[in-house]
Amino acid sequence: GPSAVVKSLGKLDQVKSGGTLLNQRFLPSLLKHDEDIAKLASLIRSY
């Protein structure tokens, strides 16, 4: 899942870089409801 992805990437000291690229692909069914959008926002803020 994407939470595990951002936790793995969060272990890198990205301030050492001049930029890091991270792609993710979600199924549309994952974002059907307002609470799903809130979860997505939380995922981004957590990362």
All heavy atoms as atom14 arrays in JSON, in Angstrom:
{
  "sequence": "GPSAVVKSLGKLDQVKSGGTLLNQRFLPSLLKHDEDIAKLASLIRSY",
  "atom14_mask": [
    [1, 1, 1, 1, 0, 0, 0, 0, 0, 0, 0, 0, 0, 0],
    [1, 1, 1, 1, 1, 1, 1, 0, 0, 0, 0, 0, 0, 0],
    [1, 1, 1, 1, 1, 1, 0, 0, 0, 0, 0, 0, 0, 0],
    [1, 1, 1, 1, 1, 0, 0, 0, 0, 0, 0, 0, 0, 0],
    [1, 1, 1, 1, 1, 1, 1, 0, 0, 0, 0, 0, 0, 0],
    [1, 1, 1, 1, 1, 1, 1, 0, 0, 0, 0, 0, 0, 0],
    [1, 1, 1, 1, 1, 1, 1, 1, 1, 0, 0, 0, 0, 0],
    [1, 1, 1, 1, 1, 1, 0, 0, 0, 0, 0, 0, 0, 0],
    [1, 1, 1, 1, 1, 1, 1, 1, 0, 0, 0, 0, 0, 0],
    [1, 1, 1, 1, 0, 0, 0, 0, 0, 0, 0, 0, 0, 0],
    [1, 1, 1, 1, 1, 1, 1, 1, 1, 0, 0, 0, 0, 0],
    [1, 1, 1, 1, 1, 1, 1, 1, 0, 0, 0, 0, 0, 0],
    [1, 1, 1, 1, 1, 1, 1, 1, 0, 0, 0, 0, 0, 0],
    [1, 1, 1, 1, 1, 1, 1, 1, 1, 0, 0, 0, 0, 0],
    [1, 1, 1, 1, 1, 1, 1, 0, 0, 0, 0, 0, 0, 0],
    [1, 1, 1, 1, 1, 1, 1, 1, 1, 0, 0, 0, 0, 0],
    [1, 1, 1, 1, 1, 1, 0, 0, 0, 0, 0, 0, 0, 0],
    [1, 1, 1, 1, 0, 0, 0, 0, 0, 0, 0, 0, 0, 0],
    [1, 1, 1, 1, 0, 0, 0, 0, 0, 0, 0, 0, 0, 0],
    [1, 1, 1, 1, 1, 1, 1, 0, 0, 0, 0, 0, 0, 0],
    [1, 1, 1, 1, 1, 1, 1, 1, 0, 0, 0, 0, 0, 0],
    [1, 1, 1, 1, 1, 1, 1, 1, 0, 0, 0, 0, 0, 0],
    [1, 1, 1, 1, 1, 1, 1, 1, 0, 0, 0, 0, 0, 0],
    [1, 1, 1, 1, 1, 1, 1, 1, 1, 0, 0, 0, 0, 0],
    [1, 1, 1, 1, 1, 1, 1, 1, 1, 1, 1, 0, 0, 0],
    [1, 1, 1, 1, 1, 1, 1, 1, 1, 1, 1, 0, 0, 0],
    [1, 1, 1, 1, 1, 1, 1, 1, 0, 0, 0, 0, 0, 0],
    [1, 1, 1, 1, 1, 1, 1, 0, 0, 0, 0, 0, 0, 0],
    [1, 1, 1, 1, 1, 1, 0, 0, 0, 0, 0, 0, 0, 0],
    [1, 1, 1, 1, 1, 1, 1, 1, 0, 0, 0, 0, 0, 0],
    [1, 1, 1, 1, 1, 1, 1, 1, 0, 0, 0, 0, 0, 0],
    [1, 1, 1, 1, 1, 1, 1, 1, 1, 0, 0, 0, 0, 0],
    [1, 1, 1, 1, 1, 1, 1, 1, 1, 1, 0, 0, 0, 0],
    [1, 1, 1, 1, 1, 1, 1, 1, 0, 0, 0, 0, 0, 0],
    [1, 1, 1, 1, 1, 1, 1, 1, 1, 0, 0, 0, 0, 0],
    [1, 1, 1, 1, 1, 1, 1, 1, 0, 0, 0, 0, 0, 0],
    [1, 1, 1, 1, 1, 1, 1, 1, 0, 0, 0, 0, 0, 0],
    [1, 1, 1, 1, 1, 0, 0, 0, 0, 0, 0, 0, 0, 0],
    [1, 1, 1, 1, 1, 1, 1, 1, 1, 0, 0, 0, 0, 0],
    [1, 1, 1, 1, 1, 1, 1, 1, 0, 0, 0, 0, 0, 0],
    [1, 1, 1, 1, 1, 0, 0, 0, 0, 0, 0, 0, 0, 0],
    [1, 1, 1, 1, 1, 1, 0, 0, 0, 0, 0, 0, 0, 0],
    [1, 1, 1, 1, 1, 1, 1, 1, 0, 0, 0, 0, 0, 0],
    [1, 1, 1, 1, 1, 1, 1, 1, 0, 0, 0, 0, 0, 0],
    [1, 1, 1, 1, 1, 1, 1, 1, 1, 1, 1, 0, 0, 0],
    [1, 1, 1, 1, 1, 1, 0, 0, 0, 0, 0, 0, 0, 0],
    [1, 1, 1, 1, 1, 1, 1, 1, 1, 1, 1, 1, 0, 0]
  ],
  "atom14_positions": [
    [[0.8, -1.22, 0.0], [0.0, 0.0, 0.0], [0.83, 1.27, 0.0], [2.02, 1.25, 0.31], [0.0, 0.0, 0.0], [0.0, 0.0, 0.0], [0.0, 0.0, 0.0], [0.0, 0.0, 0.0], [0.0, 0.0, 0.0], [0.0, 0.0, 0.0], [0.0, 0.0, 0.0], [0.0, 0.0, 0.0], [0.0, 0.0, 0.0], [0.0, 0.0, 0.0]],
    [[0.2, 2.39, -0.34], [0.92, 3.66, -0.45], [1.47, 4.18, 0.87], [2.46, 4.9, 0.87], [-0.13, 4.62, -1.04], [-1.45, 3.99, -0.72], [-1.21, 2.51, -0.75], [0.0, 0.0, 0.0], [0.0, 0.0, 0.0], [0.0, 0.0, 0.0], [0.0, 0.0, 0.0], [0.0, 0.0, 0.0], [0.0, 0.0, 0.0], [0.0, 0.0, 0.0]],
    [[0.84, 3.82, 1.98], [1.38, 4.26, 3.27], [2.76, 3.66, 3.51], [3.68, 4.33, 4.02], [0.43, 3.86, 4.41], [-0.81, 4.52, 4.28], [0.0, 0.0, 0.0], [0.0, 0.0, 0.0], [0.0, 0.0, 0.0], [0.0, 0.0, 0.0], [0.0, 0.0, 0.0], [0.0, 0.0, 0.0], [0.0, 0.0, 0.0], [0.0, 0.0, 0.0]],
    [[2.92, 2.4, 3.13], [4.23, 1.76, 3.27], [5.25, 2.39, 2.32], [6.43, 2.54, 2.66], [4.12, 0.26, 2.99], [0.0, 0.0, 0.0], [0.0, 0.0, 0.0], [0.0, 0.0, 0.0], [0.0, 0.0, 0.0], [0.0, 0.0, 0.0], [0.0, 0.0, 0.0], [0.0, 0.0, 0.0], [0.0, 0.0, 0.0], [0.0, 0.0, 0.0]],
    [[4.8, 2.79, 1.12], [5.69, 3.44, 0.16], [6.26, 4.72, 0.75], [7.48, 4.94, 0.74], [4.96, 3.74, -1.17], [5.85, 4.6, -2.09], [4.56, 2.46, -1.87], [0.0, 0.0, 0.0], [0.0, 0.0, 0.0], [0.0, 0.0, 0.0], [0.0, 0.0, 0.0], [0.0, 0.0, 0.0], [0.0, 0.0, 0.0], [0.0, 0.0, 0.0]],
    [[5.4, 5.59, 1.28], [5.89, 6.87, 1.78], [6.74, 6.69, 3.03], [7.66, 7.48, 3.27], [4.73, 7.87, 2.02], [3.95, 8.1, 0.75], [3.83, 7.43, 3.16], [0.0, 0.0, 0.0], [0.0, 0.0, 0.0], [0.0, 0.0, 0.0], [0.0, 0.0, 0.0], [0.0, 0.0, 0.0], [0.0, 0.0, 0.0], [0.0, 0.0, 0.0]],
    [[6.48, 5.64, 3.81], [7.33, 5.39, 4.98], [8.72, 4.94, 4.55], [9.72, 5.32, 5.16], [6.67, 4.35, 5.89], [5.45, 4.89, 6.63], [4.74, 3.84, 7.44], [5.49, 3.46, 8.69], [4.72, 2.5, 9.52], [0.0, 0.0, 0.0], [0.0, 0.0, 0.0], [0.0, 0.0, 0.0], [0.0, 0.0, 0.0], [0.0, 0.0, 0.0]],
    [[8.79, 4.13, 3.49], [10.11, 3.74, 2.97], [10.85, 4.96, 2.45], [12.03, 5.18, 2.78], [9.96, 2.72, 1.85], [9.63, 1.44, 2.33], [0.0, 0.0, 0.0], [0.0, 0.0, 0.0], [0.0, 0.0, 0.0], [0.0, 0.0, 0.0], [0.0, 0.0, 0.0], [0.0, 0.0, 0.0], [0.0, 0.0, 0.0], [0.0, 0.0, 0.0]],
    [[10.18, 5.77, 1.63], [10.83, 6.95, 1.04], [11.19, 7.97, 2.1], [12.18, 8.7, 1.96], [9.91, 7.56, 0.0], [10.05, 7.12, -1.46], [11.39, 7.54, -2.05], [9.86, 5.64, -1.61], [0.0, 0.0, 0.0], [0.0, 0.0, 0.0], [0.0, 0.0, 0.0], [0.0, 0.0, 0.0], [0.0, 0.0, 0.0], [0.0, 0.0, 0.0]],
    [[10.4, 8.03, 3.18], [10.66, 8.99, 4.24], [11.93, 8.7, 5.02], [12.41, 9.55, 5.77], [0.0, 0.0, 0.0], [0.0, 0.0, 0.0], [0.0, 0.0, 0.0], [0.0, 0.0, 0.0], [0.0, 0.0, 0.0], [0.0, 0.0, 0.0], [0.0, 0.0, 0.0], [0.0, 0.0, 0.0], [0.0, 0.0, 0.0], [0.0, 0.0, 0.0]],
    [[12.49, 7.52, 4.84], [13.74, 7.17, 5.53], [14.97, 7.76, 4.84], [16.05, 7.76, 5.4], [13.86, 5.65, 5.63], [12.76, 5.01, 6.47], [12.75, 3.5, 6.38], [11.53, 2.92, 7.07], [11.42, 1.44, 6.93], [0.0, 0.0, 0.0], [0.0, 0.0, 0.0], [0.0, 0.0, 0.0], [0.0, 0.0, 0.0], [0.0, 0.0, 0.0]],
    [[14.8, 8.23, 3.6], [15.89, 8.88, 2.9], [15.99, 10.33, 3.35], [14.98, 11.0, 3.53], [15.65, 8.86, 1.38], [15.39, 7.51, 0.72], [15.06, 7.71, -0.75], [16.57, 6.57, 0.89], [0.0, 0.0, 0.0], [0.0, 0.0, 0.0], [0.0, 0.0, 0.0], [0.0, 0.0, 0.0], [0.0, 0.0, 0.0], [0.0, 0.0, 0.0]],
    [[17.2, 10.82, 3.53], [17.4, 12.22, 3.89], [17.32, 13.05, 2.61], [18.35, 13.4, 2.01], [18.75, 12.41, 4.58], [18.95, 13.84, 5.08], [18.04, 14.68, 4.9], [20.03, 14.14, 5.62], [0.0, 0.0, 0.0], [0.0, 0.0, 0.0], [0.0, 0.0, 0.0], [0.0, 0.0, 0.0], [0.0, 0.0, 0.0], [0.0, 0.0, 0.0]],
    [[16.11, 13.39, 2.21], [15.91, 14.0, 0.9], [16.42, 15.43, 0.82], [16.58, 15.97, -0.29], [14.43, 13.91, 0.51], [13.97, 12.46, 0.36], [12.56, 12.32, -0.18], [12.09, 13.15, -0.97], [11.87, 11.26, 0.23], [0.0, 0.0, 0.0], [0.0, 0.0, 0.0], [0.0, 0.0, 0.0], [0.0, 0.0, 0.0], [0.0, 0.0, 0.0]],
    [[16.72, 16.05, 1.94], [17.32, 17.38, 1.93], [18.7, 17.33, 1.26], [19.19, 18.33, 0.73], [17.4, 17.95, 3.36], [18.19, 19.26, 3.39], [16.0, 18.2, 3.9], [0.0, 0.0, 0.0], [0.0, 0.0, 0.0], [0.0, 0.0, 0.0], [0.0, 0.0, 0.0], [0.0, 0.0, 0.0], [0.0, 0.0, 0.0], [0.0, 0.0, 0.0]],
    [[19.33, 16.16, 1.25], [20.63, 16.01, 0.58], [20.5, 16.13, -0.93], [21.5, 16.33, -1.61], [21.24, 14.64, 0.92], [21.76, 14.5, 2.34], [22.39, 13.13, 2.53], [23.05, 13.0, 3.88], [23.67, 11.66, 4.05], [0.0, 0.0, 0.0], [0.0, 0.0, 0.0], [0.0, 0.0, 0.0], [0.0, 0.0, 0.0], [0.0, 0.0, 0.0]],
    [[19.31, 15.97, -1.45], [19.11, 15.98, -2.9], [18.7, 17.36, -3.38], [18.47, 18.27, -2.59], [18.02, 14.97, -3.29], [16.73, 15.51, -3.02], [0.0, 0.0, 0.0], [0.0, 0.0, 0.0], [0.0, 0.0, 0.0], [0.0, 0.0, 0.0], [0.0, 0.0, 0.0], [0.0, 0.0, 0.0], [0.0, 0.0, 0.0], [0.0, 0.0, 0.0]],
    [[18.61, 17.48, -4.72], [18.01, 18.67, -5.31], [16.67, 18.34, -5.9], [16.16, 19.06, -6.76], [0.0, 0.0, 0.0], [0.0, 0.0, 0.0], [0.0, 0.0, 0.0], [0.0, 0.0, 0.0], [0.0, 0.0, 0.0], [0.0, 0.0, 0.0], [0.0, 0.0, 0.0], [0.0, 0.0, 0.0], [0.0, 0.0, 0.0], [0.0, 0.0, 0.0]],
    [[16.07, 17.24, -5.42], [14.76, 16.81, -5.91], [14.67, 15.31, -6.0], [15.62, 14.62, -6.37], [0.0, 0.0, 0.0], [0.0, 0.0, 0.0], [0.0, 0.0, 0.0], [0.0, 0.0, 0.0], [0.0, 0.0, 0.0], [0.0, 0.0, 0.0], [0.0, 0.0, 0.0], [0.0, 0.0, 0.0], [0.0, 0.0, 0.0], [0.0, 0.0, 0.0]],
    [[13.5, 14.76, -5.62], [13.24, 13.33, -5.73], [11.86, 13.15, -6.37], [10.91, 13.84, -6.02], [13.26, 12.63, -4.36], [12.27, 13.23, -3.51], [14.62, 12.75, -3.7], [0.0, 0.0, 0.0], [0.0, 0.0, 0.0], [0.0, 0.0, 0.0], [0.0, 0.0, 0.0], [0.0, 0.0, 0.0], [0.0, 0.0, 0.0], [0.0, 0.0, 0.0]],
    [[11.76, 12.19, -7.28], [10.52, 11.91, -7.99], [9.86, 10.66, -7.41], [10.51, 9.63, -7.26], [10.82, 11.68, -9.48], [9.68, 11.14, -10.33], [8.64, 12.22, -10.58], [10.2, 10.6, -11.65], [0.0, 0.0, 0.0], [0.0, 0.0, 0.0], [0.0, 0.0, 0.0], [0.0, 0.0, 0.0], [0.0, 0.0, 0.0], [0.0, 0.0, 0.0]],
    [[8.56, 10.75, -7.1], [7.82, 9.59, -6.6], [6.48, 9.48, -7.33], [5.63, 10.36, -7.22], [7.58, 9.69, -5.09], [6.7, 8.59, -4.48], [7.24, 7.2, -4.78], [6.54, 8.8, -2.97], [0.0, 0.0, 0.0], [0.0, 0.0, 0.0], [0.0, 0.0, 0.0], [0.0, 0.0, 0.0], [0.0, 0.0, 0.0], [0.0, 0.0, 0.0]],
    [[6.31, 8.41, -8.1], [5.06, 8.11, -8.8], [4.22, 7.11, -8.03], [4.75, 6.14, -7.49], [5.37, 7.52, -10.18], [5.51, 8.59, -11.26], [4.62, 9.4, -11.45], [6.64, 8.59, -11.94], [0.0, 0.0, 0.0], [0.0, 0.0, 0.0], [0.0, 0.0, 0.0], [0.0, 0.0, 0.0], [0.0, 0.0, 0.0], [0.0, 0.0, 0.0]],
    [[2.91, 7.34, -8.01], [1.96, 6.37, -7.45], [0.75, 6.31, -8.38], [0.36, 7.31, -8.99], [1.51, 6.8, -6.05], [2.58, 6.62, -4.98], [2.72, 5.17, -4.54], [2.0, 4.68, -3.69], [3.68, 4.48, -5.17], [0.0, 0.0, 0.0], [0.0, 0.0, 0.0], [0.0, 0.0, 0.0], [0.0, 0.0, 0.0], [0.0, 0.0, 0.0]],
    [[0.14, 5.11, -8.48], [-1.08, 4.94, -9.27], [-2.17, 4.35, -8.4], [-1.95, 3.33, -7.73], [-0.84, 4.03, -10.49], [-2.09, 3.86, -11.36], [-1.75, 3.44, -12.77], [-1.38, 2.04, -12.9], [-2.25, 1.06, -13.19], [-3.54, 1.33, -13.35], [-1.83, -0.18, -13.33], [0.0, 0.0, 0.0], [0.0, 0.0, 0.0], [0.0, 0.0, 0.0]],
    [[-3.33, 5.02, -8.38], [-4.47, 4.59, -7.58], [-5.6, 4.15, -8.5], [-5.81, 4.73, -9.57], [-5.0, 5.73, -6.7], [-4.15, 6.05, -5.5], [-4.5, 7.08, -4.65], [-3.01, 5.33, -5.21], [-3.74, 7.38, -3.54], [-2.23, 5.62, -4.1], [-2.6, 6.66, -3.27], [0.0, 0.0, 0.0], [0.0, 0.0, 0.0], [0.0, 0.0, 0.0]],
    [[-6.35, 3.16, -8.07], [-7.59, 2.82, -8.74], [-8.64, 3.89, -8.41], [-8.69, 4.39, -7.28], [-8.09, 1.45, -8.29], [-7.22, 0.25, -8.67], [-7.82, -1.03, -8.11], [-7.07, 0.15, -10.18], [0.0, 0.0, 0.0], [0.0, 0.0, 0.0], [0.0, 0.0, 0.0], [0.0, 0.0, 0.0], [0.0, 0.0, 0.0], [0.0, 0.0, 0.0]],
    [[-9.49, 4.27, -9.36], [-10.52, 5.27, -9.08], [-11.43, 4.89, -7.92], [-11.93, 5.78, -7.21], [-11.31, 5.34, -10.4], [-10.33, 4.92, -11.44], [-9.47, 3.88, -10.78], [0.0, 0.0, 0.0], [0.0, 0.0, 0.0], [0.0, 0.0, 0.0], [0.0, 0.0, 0.0], [0.0, 0.0, 0.0], [0.0, 0.0, 0.0], [0.0, 0.0, 0.0]],
    [[-11.62, 3.59, -7.7], [-12.49, 3.14, -6.6], [-11.94, 3.53, -5.24], [-12.67, 3.55, -4.25], [-12.67, 1.62, -6.67], [-11.42, 0.96, -6.58], [0.0, 0.0, 0.0], [0.0, 0.0, 0.0], [0.0, 0.0, 0.0], [0.0, 0.0, 0.0], [0.0, 0.0, 0.0], [0.0, 0.0, 0.0], [0.0, 0.0, 0.0], [0.0, 0.0, 0.0]],
    [[-10.65, 3.86, -5.19], [-10.04, 4.23, -3.91], [-10.42, 5.65, -3.49], [-10.25, 6.01, -2.32], [-8.51, 4.1, -4.02], [-7.69, 4.22, -2.75], [-8.1, 3.18, -1.73], [-6.2, 4.08, -3.06], [0.0, 0.0, 0.0], [0.0, 0.0, 0.0], [0.0, 0.0, 0.0], [0.0, 0.0, 0.0], [0.0, 0.0, 0.0], [0.0, 0.0, 0.0]],
    [[-10.95, 6.43, -4.41], [-11.23, 7.84, -4.13], [-12.67, 8.2, -4.48], [-12.94, 9.24, -5.08], [-10.26, 8.74, -4.9], [-8.78, 8.58, -4.5], [-7.89, 9.32, -5.47], [-8.55, 9.08, -3.08], [0.0, 0.0, 0.0], [0.0, 0.0, 0.0], [0.0, 0.0, 0.0], [0.0, 0.0, 0.0], [0.0, 0.0, 0.0], [0.0, 0.0, 0.0]],
    [[-13.61, 7.36, -4.08], [-15.02, 7.57, -4.42], [-15.71, 8.58, -3.51], [-16.64, 9.27, -3.91], [-15.77, 6.24, -4.35], [-15.63, 5.38, -5.59], [-16.55, 4.16, -5.49], [-16.58, 3.38, -6.79], [-17.49, 2.22, -6.72], [0.0, 0.0, 0.0], [0.0, 0.0, 0.0], [0.0, 0.0, 0.0], [0.0, 0.0, 0.0], [0.0, 0.0, 0.0]],
    [[-15.28, 8.67, -2.26], [-16.01, 9.43, -1.26], [-15.16, 10.55, -0.68], [-13.93, 10.55, -0.79], [-16.49, 8.5, -0.13], [-17.23, 7.29, -0.63], [-18.47, 7.36, -1.21], [-16.87, 5.97, -0.65], [-18.87, 6.15, -1.55], [-17.92, 5.28, -1.23], [0.0, 0.0, 0.0], [0.0, 0.0, 0.0], [0.0, 0.0, 0.0], [0.0, 0.0, 0.0]],
    [[-15.83, 11.48, -0.02], [-15.12, 12.61, 0.58], [-14.08, 12.15, 1.6], [-12.98, 12.71, 1.68], [-16.11, 13.57, 1.26], [-16.93, 14.34, 0.25], [-16.56, 14.33, -0.95], [-17.94, 14.95, 0.66], [0.0, 0.0, 0.0], [0.0, 0.0, 0.0], [0.0, 0.0, 0.0], [0.0, 0.0, 0.0], [0.0, 0.0, 0.0], [0.0, 0.0, 0.0]],
    [[-14.43, 11.11, 2.37], [-13.47, 10.63, 3.37], [-12.24, 10.01, 2.71], [-11.15, 10.01, 3.29], [-14.13, 9.61, 4.32], [-14.77, 8.41, 3.64], [-16.25, 8.61, 3.39], [-16.68, 9.76, 3.17], [-16.98, 7.59, 3.45], [0.0, 0.0, 0.0], [0.0, 0.0, 0.0], [0.0, 0.0, 0.0], [0.0, 0.0, 0.0], [0.0, 0.0, 0.0]],
    [[-12.4, 9.52, 1.47], [-11.25, 8.99, 0.75], [-10.31, 10.11, 0.33], [-9.08, 9.96, 0.39], [-11.71, 8.22, -0.5], [-12.6, 7.03, -0.16], [-12.39, 6.43, 0.91], [-13.5, 6.71, -0.96], [0.0, 0.0, 0.0], [0.0, 0.0, 0.0], [0.0, 0.0, 0.0], [0.0, 0.0, 0.0], [0.0, 0.0, 0.0], [0.0, 0.0, 0.0]],
    [[-10.89, 11.24, -0.08], [-10.07, 12.4, -0.43], [-9.31, 12.89, 0.8], [-8.14, 13.28, 0.72], [-10.94, 13.54, -0.99], [-11.74, 13.04, -2.21], [-10.09, 14.73, -1.37], [-10.9, 12.57, -3.36], [0.0, 0.0, 0.0], [0.0, 0.0, 0.0], [0.0, 0.0, 0.0], [0.0, 0.0, 0.0], [0.0, 0.0, 0.0], [0.0, 0.0, 0.0]],
    [[-9.96, 12.85, 1.96], [-9.29, 13.25, 3.21], [-8.13, 12.31, 3.52], [-7.07, 12.75, 4.0], [-10.3, 13.26, 4.36], [0.0, 0.0, 0.0], [0.0, 0.0, 0.0], [0.0, 0.0, 0.0], [0.0, 0.0, 0.0], [0.0, 0.0, 0.0], [0.0, 0.0, 0.0], [0.0, 0.0, 0.0], [0.0, 0.0, 0.0], [0.0, 0.0, 0.0]],
    [[-8.31, 11.03, 3.23], [-7.23, 10.07, 3.45], [-6.05, 10.36, 2.53], [-4.89, 10.25, 2.92], [-7.73, 8.65, 3.22], [-8.69, 8.13, 4.29], [-9.17, 6.73, 3.97], [-10.16, 6.21, 5.0], [-10.66, 4.86, 4.65], [0.0, 0.0, 0.0], [0.0, 0.0, 0.0], [0.0, 0.0, 0.0], [0.0, 0.0, 0.0], [0.0, 0.0, 0.0]],
    [[-6.36, 10.73, 1.28], [-5.29, 11.07, 0.35], [-4.51, 12.29, 0.85], [-3.27, 12.31, 0.8], [-5.87, 11.35, -1.04], [-4.88, 11.82, -2.11], [-3.81, 10.78, -2.36], [-5.62, 12.18, -3.4], [0.0, 0.0, 0.0], [0.0, 0.0, 0.0], [0.0, 0.0, 0.0], [0.0, 0.0, 0.0], [0.0, 0.0, 0.0], [0.0, 0.0, 0.0]],
    [[-5.25, 13.29, 1.33], [-4.59, 14.48, 1.88], [-3.7, 14.11, 3.06], [-2.58, 14.62, 3.21], [-5.63, 15.51, 2.29], [0.0, 0.0, 0.0], [0.0, 0.0, 0.0], [0.0, 0.0, 0.0], [0.0, 0.0, 0.0], [0.0, 0.0, 0.0], [0.0, 0.0, 0.0], [0.0, 0.0, 0.0], [0.0, 0.0, 0.0], [0.0, 0.0, 0.0]],
    [[-4.18, 13.22, 3.91], [-3.39, 12.78, 5.06], [-2.14, 12.03, 4.62], [-1.07, 12.17, 5.23], [-4.23, 11.88, 5.97], [-5.3, 12.6, 6.55], [0.0, 0.0, 0.0], [0.0, 0.0, 0.0], [0.0, 0.0, 0.0], [0.0, 0.0, 0.0], [0.0, 0.0, 0.0], [0.0, 0.0, 0.0], [0.0, 0.0, 0.0], [0.0, 0.0, 0.0]],
    [[-2.27, 11.24, 3.56], [-1.11, 10.53, 3.04], [-0.04, 11.5, 2.58], [1.15, 11.36, 2.91], [-1.53, 9.63, 1.87], [-0.41, 8.87, 1.16], [0.07, 7.7, 2.01], [-0.85, 8.38, -0.22], [0.0, 0.0, 0.0], [0.0, 0.0, 0.0], [0.0, 0.0, 0.0], [0.0, 0.0, 0.0], [0.0, 0.0, 0.0], [0.0, 0.0, 0.0]],
    [[-0.45, 12.53, 1.84], [0.51, 13.51, 1.34], [1.15, 14.26, 2.5], [2.38, 14.43, 2.55], [-0.18, 14.49, 0.38], [-0.69, 13.75, -0.86], [0.77, 15.61, -0.02], [-1.61, 14.57, -1.75], [0.0, 0.0, 0.0], [0.0, 0.0, 0.0], [0.0, 0.0, 0.0], [0.0, 0.0, 0.0], [0.0, 0.0, 0.0], [0.0, 0.0, 0.0]],
    [[0.32, 14.7, 3.47], [0.86, 15.44, 4.62], [1.81, 14.56, 5.43], [2.83, 15.04, 5.95], [-0.27, 15.97, 5.49], [-1.09, 17.08, 4.82], [-2.04, 17.75, 5.82], [-2.82, 18.81, 5.16], [-4.07, 18.66, 4.77], [-4.71, 17.51, 4.97], [-4.71, 19.65, 4.18], [0.0, 0.0, 0.0], [0.0, 0.0, 0.0], [0.0, 0.0, 0.0]],
    [[1.48, 13.29, 5.56], [2.35, 12.37, 6.31], [3.7, 12.22, 5.62], [4.75, 12.23, 6.27], [1.67, 11.0, 6.45], [0.49, 11.1, 7.21], [0.0, 0.0, 0.0], [0.0, 0.0, 0.0], [0.0, 0.0, 0.0], [0.0, 0.0, 0.0], [0.0, 0.0, 0.0], [0.0, 0.0, 0.0], [0.0, 0.0, 0.0], [0.0, 0.0, 0.0]],
    [[3.66, 12.08, 4.31], [4.92, 11.95, 3.57], [5.78, 13.21, 3.72], [6.99, 13.14, 3.94], [4.63, 11.69, 2.1], [5.86, 11.48, 1.25], [6.91, 10.68, 1.69], [5.99, 12.09, 0.0], [8.05, 10.48, 0.91], [7.11, 11.9, -0.78], [8.14, 11.09, -0.32], [9.26, 10.9, -1.1], [0.0, 0.0, 0.0], [0.0, 0.0, 0.0]]
  ]
}
